[in-house]
Amino acid sequence: MSAGDTNSLLSGAQRLAFRYAELRAEAGKVLVPSVVPDEVRGKVRELYSKVKMVDHEVERWLGVIPGELRYQALGWVQSKGTSPPAGLNYGDLEAFPGRVDVYPDYVTASAWNVGRVTRLLLASLALRLTAWIHSLVDYRLTSKYEVSKLVCKEMVEDIIASVPFHLGRHLKRKDTG
């Protein structure tokens, strides 16, 4: 994969990330008023629809990445509960508890994470817009909040699973193939 290739996996991820940046700039303009007139509320709802549309586009893009550019779960780092085994801290563990993934190469791993981070940022923007739309009630009680929360959880877990690869763990271990 070449860095100058405009059809590469990484350039596709970057194009989607730019779409988020455009939406974020638009949100900055729309969310300025302190009063909530119906006209602004309509613009915020329209922007929310755009955010969800781009998120679905990123999700589809991640879903159709060719098999040879997909990651594979290398294994799991076990942990009981939410803390490391007695006498250890997270700095002593080989990897953060959970799944550990391996990728074909670093550029591919980076492209996956650009897509994941873009989804995280879109979910964050969707939450901000949801909170604004539902300013009179607790937005955390909406289905939109639950959906965004699940997207964030999944993306964070996937990013954490990629960290050992980025740090070269697969190169230090003979059993990783």
Protein backbone atom coordinates (compact mmCIF):
# COMPACT_ATOMS: atom_id res chain seq x y z
CA MET A 1 0.00 0.00 0.00
CA SER A 2 1.48 3.31 -1.10
CA ALA A 3 1.06 6.51 0.86
CA GLY A 4 0.39 8.43 -2.37
CA ASP A 5 -2.31 6.03 -3.58
CA THR A 6 -5.65 7.85 -3.49
CA ASN A 7 -7.51 4.54 -3.68
CA SER A 8 -5.71 3.00 -0.72
CA LEU A 9 -7.33 1.91 2.50
CA LEU A 10 -5.66 4.75 4.40
CA SER A 11 -6.77 7.46 1.98
CA GLY A 12 -10.34 6.13 2.19
CA ALA A 13 -10.18 6.37 5.98
CA GLN A 14 -8.83 9.90 5.76
CA ARG A 15 -11.59 10.99 3.36
CA LEU A 16 -14.18 9.80 5.88
CA ALA A 17 -12.34 11.59 8.70
CA PHE A 18 -12.51 14.82 6.68
CA ARG A 19 -16.27 14.36 6.38
CA TYR A 20 -16.44 14.30 10.19
CA ALA A 21 -14.36 17.52 10.34
CA GLU A 22 -16.81 19.24 7.99
CA LEU A 23 -19.76 18.17 10.15
CA ARG A 24 -17.99 19.31 13.31
CA ALA A 25 -17.40 22.74 11.77
CA GLU A 26 -21.07 22.92 10.77
CA ALA A 27 -22.09 21.98 14.31
CA GLY A 28 -19.91 24.77 15.68
CA LYS A 29 -21.91 27.27 13.63
CA VAL A 30 -25.35 25.83 14.39
CA LEU A 31 -24.96 25.26 18.14
CA VAL A 32 -23.88 28.82 18.95
CA PRO A 33 -27.29 30.36 19.80
CA SER A 34 -28.23 30.23 23.45
CA VAL A 35 -31.93 30.34 22.63
CA VAL A 36 -33.55 27.27 21.08
CA PRO A 37 -35.79 28.59 18.29
CA ASP A 38 -37.58 26.07 16.07
CA GLU A 39 -35.45 27.06 13.08
CA VAL A 40 -32.22 26.20 14.90
CA ARG A 41 -33.73 23.00 16.31
CA GLY A 42 -34.56 21.96 12.74
CA LYS A 43 -30.98 22.64 11.64
CA VAL A 44 -29.66 20.60 14.57
CA ARG A 45 -31.94 17.68 13.65
CA GLU A 46 -30.81 17.92 10.03
CA LEU A 47 -27.19 17.93 11.15
CA TYR A 48 -27.85 14.92 13.38
CA SER A 49 -29.19 13.07 10.33
CA LYS A 50 -26.01 13.94 8.40
CA VAL A 51 -23.86 12.70 11.28
CA LYS A 52 -25.73 9.39 11.38
CA MET A 53 -25.46 9.08 7.59
CA VAL A 54 -21.68 9.54 7.67
CA ASP A 55 -21.40 7.14 10.62
CA HIS A 56 -23.28 4.49 8.62
CA GLU A 57 -20.96 5.18 5.69
CA VAL A 58 -17.89 4.63 7.89
CA GLU A 59 -19.47 1.49 9.37
CA ARG A 60 -20.16 0.14 5.85
CA TRP A 61 -16.63 1.07 4.76
CA LEU A 62 -15.13 -0.86 7.67
CA GLY A 63 -17.41 -3.79 6.87
CA VAL A 64 -16.29 -4.17 3.26
CA ILE A 65 -12.55 -3.96 3.77
CA PRO A 66 -11.11 -6.91 1.80
CA GLY A 67 -10.19 -10.05 3.74
CA GLU A 68 -6.46 -9.66 3.14
CA LEU A 69 -6.60 -6.25 4.90
CA ARG A 70 -8.61 -7.41 7.89
CA TYR A 71 -7.27 -7.90 11.38
CA GLN A 72 -7.29 -11.21 13.21
CA ALA A 73 -7.70 -11.80 16.90
CA LEU A 74 -4.36 -13.08 18.12
CA GLY A 75 -5.63 -13.95 21.57
CA TRP A 76 -6.96 -12.61 24.84
CA VAL A 77 -5.27 -11.18 27.88
CA GLN A 78 -7.31 -12.42 30.80
CA SER A 79 -8.19 -10.34 33.81
CA LYS A 80 -10.51 -11.03 36.68
CA GLY A 81 -12.77 -8.09 37.33
CA THR A 82 -11.62 -4.61 36.41
CA SER A 83 -8.19 -4.67 38.00
CA PRO A 84 -5.00 -6.59 37.20
CA PRO A 85 -3.97 -9.63 39.26
CA ALA A 86 -2.91 -8.91 42.85
CA GLY A 87 0.50 -7.29 43.13
CA LEU A 88 0.56 -6.08 39.50
CA ASN A 89 -0.41 -2.85 37.86
CA TYR A 90 -1.43 -2.37 34.25
CA GLY A 91 2.09 -1.22 33.42
CA ASP A 92 3.37 -4.71 34.27
CA LEU A 93 0.93 -6.50 31.96
CA GLU A 94 1.99 -7.46 28.45
CA ALA A 95 -1.22 -5.96 27.05
CA PHE A 96 -4.39 -4.40 28.38
CA PRO A 97 -6.96 -7.08 29.34
CA GLY A 98 -9.14 -8.15 26.45
CA ARG A 99 -8.66 -9.04 22.82
CA VAL A 100 -5.28 -8.60 21.10
CA ASP A 101 -5.37 -8.16 17.32
CA VAL A 102 -2.78 -8.56 14.57
CA TYR A 103 -2.89 -6.78 11.18
CA PRO A 104 -1.20 -7.34 7.82
CA ASP A 105 0.94 -4.20 8.31
CA TYR A 106 1.14 -0.90 10.20
CA VAL A 107 -0.49 1.20 7.48
CA THR A 108 -3.49 -1.13 7.44
CA ALA A 109 -3.72 -1.01 11.24
CA SER A 110 -3.56 2.79 11.09
CA ALA A 111 -6.32 2.93 8.48
CA TRP A 112 -8.57 0.77 10.66
CA ASN A 113 -7.95 3.08 13.60
CA VAL A 114 -8.61 6.23 11.57
CA GLY A 115 -12.00 4.71 10.73
CA ARG A 116 -12.60 3.76 14.36
CA VAL A 117 -11.61 7.17 15.69
CA THR A 118 -13.85 8.80 13.07
CA ARG A 119 -16.76 6.71 14.37
CA LEU A 120 -15.89 7.73 17.94
CA LEU A 121 -15.86 11.40 17.01
CA LEU A 122 -19.12 11.06 15.09
CA ALA A 123 -20.74 9.34 18.09
CA SER A 124 -19.50 12.14 20.33
CA LEU A 125 -20.96 14.74 17.99
CA ALA A 126 -24.22 12.78 17.80
CA LEU A 127 -24.37 12.80 21.61
CA ARG A 128 -23.79 16.54 21.70
CA LEU A 129 -26.57 17.10 19.17
CA THR A 130 -28.88 14.71 21.03
CA ALA A 131 -28.28 16.60 24.27
CA TRP A 132 -29.06 19.87 22.51
CA ILE A 133 -32.24 18.52 20.87
CA HIS A 134 -33.46 17.03 24.16
CA SER A 135 -32.32 19.93 26.33
CA LEU A 136 -35.52 19.85 28.38
CA VAL A 137 -35.09 16.18 29.38
CA ASP A 138 -32.18 13.93 30.31
CA TYR A 139 -30.68 12.94 26.94
CA ARG A 140 -29.12 9.87 28.60
CA LEU A 141 -32.59 8.33 28.67
CA THR A 142 -32.92 8.40 24.87
CA SER A 143 -32.31 5.49 22.51
CA LYS A 144 -29.91 7.74 20.57
CA TYR A 145 -27.70 7.93 23.65
CA GLU A 146 -27.68 4.13 24.05
CA VAL A 147 -26.73 3.61 20.39
CA SER A 148 -23.88 6.13 20.59
CA LYS A 149 -22.67 4.62 23.85
CA LEU A 150 -22.49 1.15 22.28
CA VAL A 151 -20.60 2.47 19.25
CA CYS A 152 -18.09 4.18 21.56
CA LYS A 153 -17.62 1.03 23.64
CA GLU A 154 -17.00 -1.13 20.56
CA MET A 155 -14.60 1.35 18.95
CA VAL A 156 -12.58 1.83 22.15
CA GLU A 157 -12.28 -1.95 22.61
CA ASP A 158 -11.11 -2.35 19.00
CA ILE A 159 -8.56 0.45 19.31
CA ILE A 160 -7.19 -0.99 22.55
CA ALA A 161 -6.93 -4.41 20.86
CA SER A 162 -4.73 -2.81 18.17
CA VAL A 163 -2.25 -1.18 20.55
CA PRO A 164 -0.03 -4.26 21.09
CA PHE A 165 0.36 -4.55 17.31
CA HIS A 166 1.36 -0.89 17.02
CA LEU A 167 3.90 -1.43 19.79
CA GLY A 168 5.43 -4.39 17.96
CA ARG A 169 4.21 -7.16 20.26
CA HIS A 170 3.76 -9.49 17.27
CA LEU A 171 7.45 -9.05 16.38
CA LYS A 172 8.65 -10.01 19.88
CA ARG A 173 6.58 -13.19 20.11
CA LYS A 174 7.47 -16.28 18.10
CA ASP A 175 4.00 -17.79 18.53
CA THR A 176 2.22 -15.04 16.56
CA GLY A 177 3.20 -16.30 13.10
